[in-house]
Amino acid sequence: MLVKYGTISPSDLDLFMTTDSVDEAFEFLTTELEAKALSHPGVGL
């Protein structure tokens, strides 16, 4: 829907992660934060 109406580009869909598992969501978030934010304090994601 967001792509259809031009709110986001098709490549933005790669930024979403869908899960029904709290453990999987936690693992994804902590891994991404460690890789992209915590190793570079002050730098935005």
N, C-alpha and C. Protein backbone atom coordinates (compact mmCIF):
# COMPACT_ATOMS: atom_id res chain seq x y z
N MET A 1 0.81 -1.18 0.00
CA MET A 1 0.00 0.00 0.00
C MET A 1 0.87 1.27 0.00
N LEU A 2 1.93 1.26 0.81
CA LEU A 2 2.79 2.44 0.87
C LEU A 2 3.51 2.68 -0.46
N VAL A 3 3.93 1.60 -1.11
CA VAL A 3 4.60 1.73 -2.41
C VAL A 3 3.58 2.15 -3.46
N LYS A 4 2.42 1.55 -3.41
CA LYS A 4 1.37 1.83 -4.40
C LYS A 4 1.06 3.32 -4.47
N TYR A 5 1.01 3.99 -3.34
CA TYR A 5 0.66 5.41 -3.30
C TYR A 5 1.87 6.33 -3.26
N GLY A 6 3.07 5.77 -3.44
CA GLY A 6 4.28 6.58 -3.54
C GLY A 6 4.80 7.13 -2.22
N THR A 7 4.31 6.58 -1.12
CA THR A 7 4.78 7.04 0.19
C THR A 7 6.21 6.60 0.44
N ILE A 8 6.55 5.39 -0.01
CA ILE A 8 7.91 4.87 0.09
C ILE A 8 8.28 4.25 -1.25
N SER A 9 9.57 4.06 -1.48
CA SER A 9 10.01 3.41 -2.70
C SER A 9 10.04 1.90 -2.49
N PRO A 10 10.00 1.12 -3.57
CA PRO A 10 10.03 -0.34 -3.42
C PRO A 10 11.23 -0.84 -2.63
N SER A 11 12.37 -0.19 -2.77
CA SER A 11 13.56 -0.65 -2.03
C SER A 11 13.42 -0.44 -0.53
N ASP A 12 12.54 0.46 -0.11
CA ASP A 12 12.32 0.68 1.33
C ASP A 12 11.72 -0.54 2.01
N LEU A 13 11.06 -1.39 1.24
CA LEU A 13 10.46 -2.59 1.83
C LEU A 13 11.52 -3.52 2.41
N ASP A 14 12.77 -3.40 1.92
CA ASP A 14 13.87 -4.20 2.46
C ASP A 14 14.23 -3.80 3.88
N LEU A 15 13.75 -2.65 4.33
CA LEU A 15 14.05 -2.17 5.68
C LEU A 15 13.11 -2.77 6.73
N PHE A 16 12.05 -3.42 6.29
CA PHE A 16 11.08 -4.01 7.20
C PHE A 16 11.43 -5.45 7.51
N MET A 17 11.16 -5.87 8.72
CA MET A 17 11.32 -7.26 9.13
C MET A 17 10.04 -7.66 9.84
N THR A 18 9.40 -8.72 9.37
CA THR A 18 8.13 -9.15 9.96
C THR A 18 8.32 -10.49 10.66
N THR A 19 7.80 -10.57 11.87
CA THR A 19 7.89 -11.81 12.63
C THR A 19 6.77 -11.86 13.66
N ASP A 20 6.43 -13.06 14.07
CA ASP A 20 5.48 -13.26 15.17
C ASP A 20 6.21 -13.69 16.43
N SER A 21 7.53 -13.75 16.35
CA SER A 21 8.34 -14.24 17.46
C SER A 21 9.05 -13.10 18.18
N VAL A 22 8.80 -12.97 19.46
CA VAL A 22 9.48 -11.95 20.26
C VAL A 22 10.98 -12.22 20.27
N ASP A 23 11.37 -13.46 20.38
CA ASP A 23 12.79 -13.81 20.42
C ASP A 23 13.48 -13.45 19.10
N GLU A 24 12.82 -13.73 17.99
CA GLU A 24 13.39 -13.41 16.68
C GLU A 24 13.51 -11.89 16.51
N ALA A 25 12.51 -11.15 16.93
CA ALA A 25 12.54 -9.69 16.84
C ALA A 25 13.67 -9.12 17.70
N PHE A 26 13.80 -9.63 18.93
CA PHE A 26 14.86 -9.17 19.82
C PHE A 26 16.24 -9.45 19.21
N GLU A 27 16.43 -10.63 18.68
CA GLU A 27 17.71 -11.00 18.05
C GLU A 27 18.02 -10.09 16.88
N PHE A 28 17.04 -9.83 16.04
CA PHE A 28 17.23 -8.95 14.88
C PHE A 28 17.62 -7.55 15.33
N LEU A 29 16.87 -7.00 16.27
CA LEU A 29 17.14 -5.64 16.74
C LEU A 29 18.50 -5.50 17.39
N THR A 30 18.85 -6.43 18.26
CA THR A 30 20.14 -6.33 18.94
C THR A 30 21.29 -6.52 17.96
N THR A 31 21.15 -7.41 17.03
CA THR A 31 22.20 -7.63 16.03
C THR A 31 22.40 -6.39 15.16
N GLU A 32 21.30 -5.80 14.70
CA GLU A 32 21.38 -4.60 13.86
C GLU A 32 21.95 -3.42 14.65
N LEU A 33 21.53 -3.24 15.88
CA LEU A 33 22.06 -2.15 16.69
C LEU A 33 23.55 -2.31 16.95
N GLU A 34 23.97 -3.52 17.26
CA GLU A 34 25.39 -3.76 17.50
C GLU A 34 26.21 -3.52 16.25
N ALA A 35 25.70 -3.91 15.10
CA ALA A 35 26.44 -3.77 13.85
C ALA A 35 26.46 -2.34 13.33
N LYS A 36 25.37 -1.61 13.52
CA LYS A 36 25.24 -0.32 12.84
C LYS A 36 25.25 0.90 13.75
N ALA A 37 24.99 0.74 15.02
CA ALA A 37 24.88 1.92 15.87
C ALA A 37 25.83 1.89 17.06
N LEU A 38 25.86 0.82 17.77
CA LEU A 38 26.65 0.79 19.00
C LEU A 38 28.15 0.81 18.73
N SER A 39 28.56 0.33 17.57
CA SER A 39 29.98 0.34 17.24
C SER A 39 30.44 1.72 16.77
N HIS A 40 29.47 2.61 16.48
CA HIS A 40 29.78 3.96 16.02
C HIS A 40 28.94 4.97 16.81
N PRO A 41 29.28 5.24 18.05
CA PRO A 41 28.48 6.16 18.88
C PRO A 41 28.31 7.53 18.20
N GLY A 42 27.11 8.04 18.27
CA GLY A 42 26.83 9.35 17.70
C GLY A 42 26.45 9.35 16.24
N VAL A 43 26.60 8.21 15.59
CA VAL A 43 26.24 8.11 14.17
C VAL A 43 24.84 7.54 14.09
N GLY A 44 23.99 8.16 13.29
CA GLY A 44 22.61 7.69 13.13
C GLY A 44 22.53 6.42 12.32
N LEU A 45 21.43 5.71 12.49
CA LEU A 45 21.21 4.50 11.72
C LEU A 45 20.87 4.90 10.33
